[in-house]
Amino acid sequence: MNNQRLVILLLLVAYIFSPTLFTWIINPEGAWFRPYIIWVAVIIIAYIVQSRKKRPHDL
């Protein structure tokens, strides 16, 4: 149940800040690597979430 609350909270925060974030990403005066910052953050968060799950039967 705790994980569901976290996911709902993250989705709510993403929904609230998505217009500002999208504007920041597509700003033509910004750096070329801005969209990649978001994807790197998503990959790092996914890695952290997966590494916290302890599975003793997995190799």
PDB file of N, CA and C in Angstrom:
ATOM      1  N   MET A   1       0.818  -1.193   0.000  1.00  0.00           N
ATOM      2  CA  MET A   1       0.000   0.000   0.000  1.00  0.00           C
ATOM      3  C   MET A   1       0.866   1.261   0.000  1.00  0.00           C
ATOM      4  N   ASN A   2       2.007   1.194   0.673  1.00  0.00           N
ATOM      5  CA  ASN A   2       2.885   2.345   0.759  1.00  0.00           C
ATOM      6  C   ASN A   2       3.463   2.712  -0.607  1.00  0.00           C
ATOM      7  N   ASN A   3       3.777   1.695  -1.423  1.00  0.00           N
ATOM      8  CA  ASN A   3       4.316   1.960  -2.753  1.00  0.00           C
ATOM      9  C   ASN A   3       3.283   2.616  -3.658  1.00  0.00           C
ATOM     10  N   GLN A   4       2.015   2.256  -3.478  1.00  0.00           N
ATOM     11  CA  GLN A   4       0.967   2.863  -4.286  1.00  0.00           C
ATOM     12  C   GLN A   4       0.838   4.342  -3.969  1.00  0.00           C
ATOM     13  N   ARG A   5       0.947   4.697  -2.724  1.00  0.00           N
ATOM     14  CA  ARG A   5       0.875   6.106  -2.339  1.00  0.00           C
ATOM     15  C   ARG A   5       2.034   6.896  -2.932  1.00  0.00           C
ATOM     16  N   LEU A   6       3.206   6.296  -2.923  1.00  0.00           N
ATOM     17  CA  LEU A   6       4.378   6.959  -3.498  1.00  0.00           C
ATOM     18  C   LEU A   6       4.209   7.176  -4.997  1.00  0.00           C
ATOM     19  N   VAL A   7       3.704   6.180  -5.693  1.00  0.00           N
ATOM     20  CA  VAL A   7       3.499   6.297  -7.135  1.00  0.00           C
ATOM     21  C   VAL A   7       2.442   7.354  -7.434  1.00  0.00           C
ATOM     22  N   ILE A   8       1.363   7.354  -6.679  1.00  0.00           N
ATOM     23  CA  ILE A   8       0.314   8.356  -6.880  1.00  0.00           C
ATOM     24  C   ILE A   8       0.859   9.751  -6.605  1.00  0.00           C
ATOM     25  N   LEU A   9       1.650   9.906  -5.576  1.00  0.00           N
ATOM     26  CA  LEU A   9       2.246  11.208  -5.265  1.00  0.00           C
ATOM     27  C   LEU A   9       3.190  11.659  -6.376  1.00  0.00           C
ATOM     28  N   LEU A  10       4.017  10.761  -6.868  1.00  0.00           N
ATOM     29  CA  LEU A  10       4.935  11.112  -7.949  1.00  0.00           C
ATOM     30  C   LEU A  10       4.186  11.483  -9.228  1.00  0.00           C
ATOM     31  N   LEU A  11       3.115  10.761  -9.537  1.00  0.00           N
ATOM     32  CA  LEU A  11       2.319  11.101 -10.713  1.00  0.00           C
ATOM     33  C   LEU A  11       1.632  12.452 -10.556  1.00  0.00           C
ATOM     34  N   LEU A  12       1.162  12.743  -9.372  1.00  0.00           N
ATOM     35  CA  LEU A  12       0.530  14.037  -9.117  1.00  0.00           C
ATOM     36  C   LEU A  12       1.536  15.181  -9.264  1.00  0.00           C
ATOM     37  N   VAL A  13       2.724  15.002  -8.714  1.00  0.00           N
ATOM     38  CA  VAL A  13       3.768  16.024  -8.838  1.00  0.00           C
ATOM     39  C   VAL A  13       4.172  16.188 -10.303  1.00  0.00           C
ATOM     40  N   ALA A  14       4.308  15.084 -11.023  1.00  0.00           N
ATOM     41  CA  ALA A  14       4.662  15.166 -12.447  1.00  0.00           C
ATOM     42  C   ALA A  14       3.568  15.873 -13.238  1.00  0.00           C
ATOM     43  N   TYR A  15       2.316  15.613 -12.898  1.00  0.00           N
ATOM     44  CA  TYR A  15       1.208  16.266 -13.593  1.00  0.00           C
ATOM     45  C   TYR A  15       1.184  17.766 -13.316  1.00  0.00           C
ATOM     46  N   ILE A  16       1.459  18.143 -12.097  1.00  0.00           N
ATOM     47  CA  ILE A  16       1.424  19.555 -11.721  1.00  0.00           C
ATOM     48  C   ILE A  16       2.564  20.327 -12.382  1.00  0.00           C
ATOM     49  N   PHE A  17       3.758  19.746 -12.395  1.00  0.00           N
ATOM     50  CA  PHE A  17       4.927  20.454 -12.913  1.00  0.00           C
ATOM     51  C   PHE A  17       5.221  20.185 -14.388  1.00  0.00           C
ATOM     52  N   SER A  18       4.419  19.378 -15.051  1.00  0.00           N
ATOM     53  CA  SER A  18       4.713  19.046 -16.442  1.00  0.00           C
ATOM     54  C   SER A  18       4.674  20.250 -17.385  1.00  0.00           C
ATOM     55  N   PRO A  19       3.743  21.201 -17.268  1.00  0.00           N
ATOM     56  CA  PRO A  19       3.802  22.347 -18.193  1.00  0.00           C
ATOM     57  C   PRO A  19       5.080  23.171 -18.045  1.00  0.00           C
ATOM     58  N   THR A  20       5.504  23.405 -16.823  1.00  0.00           N
ATOM     59  CA  THR A  20       6.730  24.165 -16.595  1.00  0.00           C
ATOM     60  C   THR A  20       7.939  23.389 -17.081  1.00  0.00           C
ATOM     61  N   LEU A  21       7.963  22.114 -16.813  1.00  0.00           N
ATOM     62  CA  LEU A  21       9.083  21.276 -17.241  1.00  0.00           C
ATOM     63  C   LEU A  21       9.151  21.186 -18.761  1.00  0.00           C
ATOM     64  N   PHE A  22       8.002  21.039 -19.394  1.00  0.00           N
ATOM     65  CA  PHE A  22       7.974  20.951 -20.853  1.00  0.00           C
ATOM     66  C   PHE A  22       8.463  22.254 -21.477  1.00  0.00           C
ATOM     67  N   THR A  23       8.046  23.378 -20.933  1.00  0.00           N
ATOM     68  CA  THR A  23       8.500  24.671 -21.434  1.00  0.00           C
ATOM     69  C   THR A  23      10.007  24.822 -21.252  1.00  0.00           C
ATOM     70  N   TRP A  24      10.518  24.354 -20.126  1.00  0.00           N
ATOM     71  CA  TRP A  24      11.945  24.431 -19.862  1.00  0.00           C
ATOM     72  C   TRP A  24      12.735  23.575 -20.855  1.00  0.00           C
ATOM     73  N   ILE A  25      12.188  22.404 -21.184  1.00  0.00           N
ATOM     74  CA  ILE A  25      12.891  21.486 -22.083  1.00  0.00           C
ATOM     75  C   ILE A  25      12.930  22.035 -23.510  1.00  0.00           C
ATOM     76  N   ILE A  26      11.810  22.566 -24.002  1.00  0.00           N
ATOM     77  CA  ILE A  26      11.762  22.978 -25.408  1.00  0.00           C
ATOM     78  C   ILE A  26      12.187  24.422 -25.640  1.00  0.00           C
ATOM     79  N   ASN A  27      12.659  25.079 -24.628  1.00  0.00           N
ATOM     80  CA  ASN A  27      13.123  26.450 -24.779  1.00  0.00           C
ATOM     81  C   ASN A  27      14.282  26.477 -25.784  1.00  0.00           C
ATOM     82  N   PRO A  28      14.128  27.219 -26.898  1.00  0.00           N
ATOM     83  CA  PRO A  28      15.173  27.196 -27.924  1.00  0.00           C
ATOM     84  C   PRO A  28      16.489  27.844 -27.476  1.00  0.00           C
ATOM     85  N   GLU A  29      16.447  28.641 -26.450  1.00  0.00           N
ATOM     86  CA  GLU A  29      17.671  29.279 -25.964  1.00  0.00           C
ATOM     87  C   GLU A  29      18.416  28.420 -24.948  1.00  0.00           C
ATOM     88  N   GLY A  30      17.855  27.265 -24.631  1.00  0.00           N
ATOM     89  CA  GLY A  30      18.470  26.389 -23.640  1.00  0.00           C
ATOM     90  C   GLY A  30      19.522  25.478 -24.242  1.00  0.00           C
ATOM     91  N   ALA A  31      20.121  24.696 -23.389  1.00  0.00           N
ATOM     92  CA  ALA A  31      21.174  23.769 -23.823  1.00  0.00           C
ATOM     93  C   ALA A  31      20.565  22.580 -24.562  1.00  0.00           C
ATOM     94  N   TRP A  32      21.355  21.963 -25.428  1.00  0.00           N
ATOM     95  CA  TRP A  32      20.882  20.849 -26.244  1.00  0.00           C
ATOM     96  C   TRP A  32      20.601  19.590 -25.420  1.00  0.00           C
ATOM     97  N   PHE A  33      21.224  19.485 -24.241  1.00  0.00           N
ATOM     98  CA  PHE A  33      21.121  18.248 -23.473  1.00  0.00           C
ATOM     99  C   PHE A  33      19.996  18.266 -22.447  1.00  0.00           C
ATOM    100  N   ARG A  34      19.159  19.271 -22.422  1.00  0.00           N
ATOM    101  CA  ARG A  34      18.081  19.342 -21.439  1.00  0.00           C
ATOM    102  C   ARG A  34      17.125  18.146 -21.478  1.00  0.00           C
ATOM    103  N   PRO A  35      16.660  17.696 -22.637  1.00  0.00           N
ATOM    104  CA  PRO A  35      15.766  16.526 -22.620  1.00  0.00           C
ATOM    105  C   PRO A  35      16.442  15.276 -22.044  1.00  0.00           C
ATOM    106  N   TYR A  36      17.742  15.177 -22.229  1.00  0.00           N
ATOM    107  CA  TYR A  36      18.454  13.996 -21.748  1.00  0.00           C
ATOM    108  C   TYR A  36      18.589  13.994 -20.225  1.00  0.00           C
ATOM    109  N   ILE A  37      18.545  15.160 -19.617  1.00  0.00           N
ATOM    110  CA  ILE A  37      18.594  15.232 -18.158  1.00  0.00           C
ATOM    111  C   ILE A  37      17.393  14.518 -17.553  1.00  0.00           C
ATOM    112  N   ILE A  38      16.231  14.725 -18.151  1.00  0.00           N
ATOM    113  CA  ILE A  38      15.014  14.087 -17.654  1.00  0.00           C
ATOM    114  C   ILE A  38      15.123  12.565 -17.793  1.00  0.00           C
ATOM    115  N   TRP A  39      15.601  12.098 -18.939  1.00  0.00           N
ATOM    116  CA  TRP A  39      15.709  10.653 -19.137  1.00  0.00           C
ATOM    117  C   TRP A  39      16.745  10.026 -18.214  1.00  0.00           C
ATOM    118  N   VAL A  40      17.829  10.699 -17.960  1.00  0.00           N
ATOM    119  CA  VAL A  40      18.829  10.182 -17.018  1.00  0.00           C
ATOM    120  C   VAL A  40      18.227  10.098 -15.618  1.00  0.00           C
ATOM    121  N   ALA A  41      17.448  11.084 -15.235  1.00  0.00           N
ATOM    122  CA  ALA A  41      16.796  11.056 -13.925  1.00  0.00           C
ATOM    123  C   ALA A  41      15.814   9.892 -13.822  1.00  0.00           C
ATOM    124  N   VAL A  42      15.059   9.637 -14.885  1.00  0.00           N
ATOM    125  CA  VAL A  42      14.124   8.505 -14.883  1.00  0.00           C
ATOM    126  C   VAL A  42      14.872   7.189 -14.761  1.00  0.00           C
ATOM    127  N   ILE A  43      15.962   7.042 -15.462  1.00  0.00           N
ATOM    128  CA  ILE A  43      16.751   5.808 -15.401  1.00  0.00           C
ATOM    129  C   ILE A  43      17.353   5.609 -14.017  1.00  0.00           C
ATOM    130  N   ILE A  44      17.865   6.659 -13.424  1.00  0.00           N
ATOM    131  CA  ILE A  44      18.464   6.556 -12.087  1.00  0.00           C
ATOM    132  C   ILE A  44      17.408   6.198 -11.050  1.00  0.00           C
ATOM    133  N   ILE A  45      16.250   6.821 -11.131  1.00  0.00           N
ATOM    134  CA  ILE A  45      15.170   6.513 -10.181  1.00  0.00           C
ATOM    135  C   ILE A  45      14.723   5.062 -10.351  1.00  0.00           C
ATOM    136  N   ALA A  46      14.587   4.594 -11.586  1.00  0.00           N
ATOM    137  CA  ALA A  46      14.193   3.206 -11.817  1.00  0.00           C
ATOM    138  C   ALA A  46      15.241   2.239 -11.273  1.00  0.00           C
ATOM    139  N   TYR A  47      16.501   2.564 -11.438  1.00  0.00           N
ATOM    140  CA  TYR A  47      17.569   1.711 -10.923  1.00  0.00           C
ATOM    141  C   TYR A  47      17.528   1.646  -9.389  1.00  0.00           C
ATOM    142  N   ILE A  48      17.319   2.786  -8.760  1.00  0.00           N
ATOM    143  CA  ILE A  48      17.262   2.819  -7.291  1.00  0.00           C
ATOM    144  C   ILE A  48      16.082   2.014  -6.780  1.00  0.00           C
ATOM    145  N   VAL A  49      14.933   2.161  -7.423  1.00  0.00           N
ATOM    146  CA  VAL A  49      13.746   1.420  -6.994  1.00  0.00           C
ATOM    147  C   VAL A  49      13.968  -0.080  -7.164  1.00  0.00           C
ATOM    148  N   GLN A  50      14.568  -0.492  -8.279  1.00  0.00           N
ATOM    149  CA  GLN A  50      14.808  -1.909  -8.509  1.00  0.00           C
ATOM    150  C   GLN A  50      15.888  -2.474  -7.599  1.00  0.00           C
ATOM    151  N   SER A  51      16.884  -1.687  -7.262  1.00  0.00           N
ATOM    152  CA  SER A  51      17.957  -2.196  -6.416  1.00  0.00           C
ATOM    153  C   SER A  51      17.534  -2.313  -4.961  1.00  0.00           C
ATOM    154  N   ARG A  52      16.501  -1.613  -4.565  1.00  0.00           N
ATOM    155  CA  ARG A  52      16.014  -1.722  -3.188  1.00  0.00           C
ATOM    156  C   ARG A  52      15.257  -3.015  -2.952  1.00  0.00           C
ATOM    157  N   LYS A  53      14.725  -3.593  -3.993  1.00  0.00           N
ATOM    158  CA  LYS A  53      13.992  -4.847  -3.850  1.00  0.00           C
ATOM    159  C   LYS A  53      14.993  -5.975  -3.671  1.00  0.00           C
ATOM    160  N   LYS A  54      14.999  -6.569  -2.506  1.00  0.00           N
ATOM    161  CA  LYS A  54      15.919  -7.669  -2.222  1.00  0.00           C
ATOM    162  C   LYS A  54      15.274  -8.976  -2.662  1.00  0.00           C
ATOM    163  N   ARG A  55      15.948  -9.659  -3.557  1.00  0.00           N
ATOM    164  CA  ARG A  55      15.452 -10.948  -4.036  1.00  0.00           C
ATOM    165  C   ARG A  55      16.544 -11.996  -3.804  1.00  0.00           C
ATOM    166  N   PRO A  56      16.459 -12.738  -2.732  1.00  0.00           N
ATOM    167  CA  PRO A  56      17.530 -13.699  -2.442  1.00  0.00           C
ATOM    168  C   PRO A  56      17.594 -14.855  -3.450  1.00  0.00           C
ATOM    169  N   HIS A  57      16.501 -15.166  -4.135  1.00  0.00           N
ATOM    170  CA  HIS A  57      16.532 -16.276  -5.086  1.00  0.00           C
ATOM    171  C   HIS A  57      17.037 -15.864  -6.462  1.00  0.00           C
ATOM    172  N   ASP A  58      17.204 -14.575  -6.723  1.00  0.00           N
ATOM    173  CA  ASP A  58      17.740 -14.122  -8.003  1.00  0.00           C
ATOM    174  C   ASP A  58      19.271 -14.085  -7.933  1.00  0.00           C
ATOM    175  N   LEU A  59      19.897 -14.365  -9.024  1.00  0.00           N
ATOM    176  CA  LEU A  59      21.349 -14.329  -9.095  1.00  0.00           C
ATOM    177  C   LEU A  59      21.818 -12.996  -9.573  1.00  0.00           C
TER     178      LEU A  59
END
